[in-house]
Amino acid sequence: MHEGGNDGSQRGEADASRPGAEQEFLALERELTVFLRRARANQGEMARAVHPDLESAAYGLLVRLDECGRQRATDLAAYIGVGKATMSRQLRALEDLGLVAREPDPADGRAWLVHLTDEGRTRVQRVREARRARYVSKLAHWDRDEVAELARLLHRLNSGMEK
C-alpha cells in the first residue's frame, strides 16, 4: 500500500482515471475565485488605510519591504511579477507619498536599494496589525491547528505556482 492509499497513486497526486476526479479541481477553482475576488477588494481597503492616494497594487510591495527590508527594484519586480517600467512607476508614486526611499546599493554602485521610510513602516505595520486582528476575529471559532494547516497549504500552493 502506498502512502496515498491502496489505489497506487502517490499522496497529493491527482488520479485522473478516478470517477469525479475533476470535481475537486472545479471546487478548488470556485473557492479560489471567491477568495481572490474578496482579497482584491480587501487589498484596496488596506492600501487606502495606508494612504488615501495609494494604488491597491502597491500594497503588496509595501508588505514585501516590511517583511524583507531593503530590496533592489529588479528583485521587487520579479517577486511581484511586473516589469521594470511598472515597478519604477510604482516606486516613484510611493516615494512621492513619502512611504519609500531609495539609496545606492553598497554592493553595486549602479543599483539602488528601496526601503520603507519610518512613516511608511508605521503606516504599513498599523494596517497589517488591524488585518491580523480581523483574521483572529473571523477565525476565532477555528482550531489553531486548522489555521496553521491552512497557512501551510496556502504556502505550498503559492510555492507550487512559482515553478
Protein backbone atom coordinates (compact mmCIF):
# COMPACT_ATOMS: atom_id res chain seq x y z
CA MET A 1 0.00 0.00 0.00
CA HIS A 2 1.31 3.45 -0.92
CA GLU A 3 1.16 6.49 1.33
CA GLY A 4 -1.86 7.84 -0.56
CA GLY A 5 -3.96 4.71 -0.13
CA ASN A 6 -4.37 1.41 -1.97
CA ASP A 7 -5.17 2.85 -5.41
CA GLY A 8 -1.50 3.11 -6.41
CA SER A 9 -1.39 6.91 -6.55
CA GLN A 10 1.09 8.97 -4.58
CA ARG A 11 -0.25 11.21 -1.84
CA GLY A 12 -1.11 14.63 -3.28
CA GLU A 13 -1.17 13.49 -6.91
CA ALA A 14 -4.42 13.66 -8.87
CA ASP A 15 -5.68 10.37 -10.28
CA ALA A 16 -7.49 11.48 -13.43
CA SER A 17 -8.86 7.96 -14.02
CA ARG A 18 -10.85 8.04 -10.78
CA PRO A 19 -14.53 8.94 -11.36
CA GLY A 20 -15.23 12.51 -10.30
CA ALA A 21 -11.53 13.39 -10.04
CA GLU A 22 -12.17 16.70 -11.77
CA GLN A 23 -14.72 17.73 -9.11
CA GLU A 24 -12.01 18.57 -6.59
CA PHE A 25 -10.35 20.90 -9.08
CA LEU A 26 -13.65 22.53 -10.03
CA ALA A 27 -14.35 23.12 -6.34
CA LEU A 28 -10.83 24.50 -5.88
CA GLU A 29 -11.27 26.86 -8.82
CA ARG A 30 -14.63 28.08 -7.48
CA GLU A 31 -13.34 28.70 -3.97
CA LEU A 32 -10.15 30.39 -5.16
CA THR A 33 -12.19 32.68 -7.42
CA VAL A 34 -14.30 33.84 -4.46
CA PHE A 35 -11.22 34.13 -2.24
CA LEU A 36 -9.27 36.18 -4.81
CA ARG A 37 -12.22 38.49 -5.52
CA ARG A 38 -12.52 39.23 -1.80
CA ALA A 39 -8.74 39.59 -1.45
CA ARG A 40 -8.62 42.19 -4.25
CA ALA A 41 -11.39 44.18 -2.58
CA ASN A 42 -9.63 43.97 0.80
CA GLN A 43 -6.30 44.96 -0.76
CA GLY A 44 -7.88 48.20 -1.98
CA GLU A 45 -9.20 48.91 1.52
CA MET A 46 -5.82 48.20 3.08
CA ALA A 47 -4.00 50.36 0.53
CA ARG A 48 -6.32 53.30 1.28
CA ALA A 49 -5.79 52.73 5.00
CA VAL A 50 -2.02 53.10 4.48
CA HIS A 51 -2.55 56.26 2.40
CA PRO A 52 -5.67 57.57 0.65
CA ASP A 53 -3.77 58.02 -2.63
CA LEU A 54 -2.10 54.60 -2.63
CA GLU A 55 -2.89 52.25 -5.53
CA SER A 56 -4.13 48.88 -4.31
CA ALA A 57 -1.45 47.05 -6.34
CA ALA A 58 1.27 48.81 -4.34
CA TYR A 59 0.13 47.37 -1.01
CA GLY A 60 1.84 44.01 -1.65
CA LEU A 61 5.05 45.85 -2.47
CA LEU A 62 4.96 47.66 0.87
CA VAL A 63 4.30 44.39 2.72
CA ARG A 64 7.29 42.80 0.97
CA LEU A 65 9.53 45.69 2.04
CA ASP A 66 8.17 45.47 5.58
CA GLU A 67 8.95 41.75 5.76
CA CYS A 68 12.26 41.64 3.90
CA GLY A 69 13.79 45.07 4.33
CA ARG A 70 15.87 46.77 1.67
CA GLN A 71 15.46 45.33 -1.81
CA ARG A 72 16.60 46.11 -5.32
CA ALA A 73 13.84 47.31 -7.61
CA THR A 74 14.58 44.44 -10.01
CA ASP A 75 14.12 41.91 -7.20
CA LEU A 76 10.85 43.54 -6.18
CA ALA A 77 9.62 43.50 -9.78
CA ALA A 78 10.46 39.79 -10.09
CA TYR A 79 8.75 38.95 -6.80
CA ILE A 80 5.59 40.93 -7.60
CA GLY A 81 5.59 39.75 -11.21
CA VAL A 82 5.72 43.09 -13.02
CA GLY A 83 8.11 44.68 -15.47
CA LYS A 84 10.82 47.22 -14.66
CA ALA A 85 8.78 50.13 -16.06
CA THR A 86 5.75 49.27 -13.90
CA MET A 87 7.97 48.87 -10.83
CA SER A 88 9.69 52.22 -11.49
CA ARG A 89 6.30 53.94 -11.80
CA GLN A 90 5.03 52.35 -8.57
CA LEU A 91 8.20 53.21 -6.67
CA ARG A 92 8.10 56.81 -7.88
CA ALA A 93 4.50 57.11 -6.65
CA LEU A 94 5.44 55.58 -3.28
CA GLU A 95 8.38 57.97 -2.97
CA ASP A 96 6.09 60.91 -3.75
CA LEU A 97 3.78 59.74 -0.93
CA GLY A 98 6.75 59.55 1.47
CA LEU A 99 6.34 55.81 2.04
CA VAL A 100 9.59 54.54 0.49
CA ALA A 101 13.07 55.91 -0.20
CA ARG A 102 15.96 54.77 -2.36
CA GLU A 103 19.65 54.62 -1.54
CA PRO A 104 22.69 53.44 -3.50
CA ASP A 105 23.44 49.74 -3.19
CA PRO A 106 26.85 49.48 -1.47
CA ALA A 107 27.49 46.19 -3.29
CA ASP A 108 26.82 47.73 -6.74
CA GLY A 109 27.13 51.46 -7.26
CA ARG A 110 24.88 51.30 -10.34
CA ALA A 111 21.95 49.79 -8.42
CA TRP A 112 19.56 51.24 -5.85
CA LEU A 113 18.01 49.71 -2.75
CA VAL A 114 14.44 50.56 -1.87
CA HIS A 115 13.23 50.65 1.74
CA LEU A 116 10.27 51.83 3.76
CA THR A 117 10.59 55.23 5.35
CA ASP A 118 9.80 55.47 9.06
CA GLU A 119 6.38 56.88 8.09
CA GLY A 120 5.84 54.06 5.59
CA ARG A 121 6.79 51.39 8.13
CA THR A 122 4.50 52.87 10.79
CA ARG A 123 1.54 53.02 8.40
CA VAL A 124 2.07 49.55 6.94
CA GLN A 125 2.52 47.92 10.33
CA ARG A 126 -0.62 49.61 11.67
CA VAL A 127 -2.68 48.25 8.75
CA ARG A 128 -1.11 44.79 8.98
CA GLU A 129 -1.89 44.61 12.70
CA ALA A 130 -5.51 45.57 12.02
CA ARG A 131 -5.66 42.92 9.30
CA ARG A 132 -4.23 40.27 11.63
CA ALA A 133 -6.77 41.21 14.30
CA ARG A 134 -9.52 40.82 11.70
CA TYR A 135 -8.30 37.31 10.88
CA VAL A 136 -8.21 36.45 14.57
CA SER A 137 -11.78 37.67 14.94
CA LYS A 138 -13.14 35.98 11.80
CA LEU A 139 -11.40 32.68 12.54
CA ALA A 140 -11.93 32.63 16.32
CA HIS A 141 -14.13 29.54 16.00
CA TRP A 142 -11.38 27.64 14.15
CA ASP A 143 -8.95 25.40 15.96
CA ARG A 144 -5.45 26.95 15.89
CA ASP A 145 -4.14 23.78 14.24
CA GLU A 146 -6.63 24.35 11.40
CA VAL A 147 -5.35 27.90 10.95
CA ALA A 148 -1.78 26.61 10.88
CA GLU A 149 -2.75 23.92 8.36
CA LEU A 150 -4.46 26.48 6.13
CA ALA A 151 -1.34 28.66 6.22
CA ARG A 152 0.83 25.64 5.42
CA LEU A 153 -1.35 24.61 2.48
CA LEU A 154 -1.53 28.15 1.10
CA HIS A 155 2.26 28.38 1.33
CA ARG A 156 2.54 25.09 -0.54
CA LEU A 157 0.11 26.35 -3.20
CA ASN A 158 1.96 29.65 -3.59
CA SER A 159 5.33 27.86 -3.80
CA GLY A 160 4.00 25.47 -6.40
CA MET A 161 2.68 28.33 -8.52
CA GLU A 162 6.17 29.88 -8.74
CA LYS A 163 7.56 26.92 -10.67
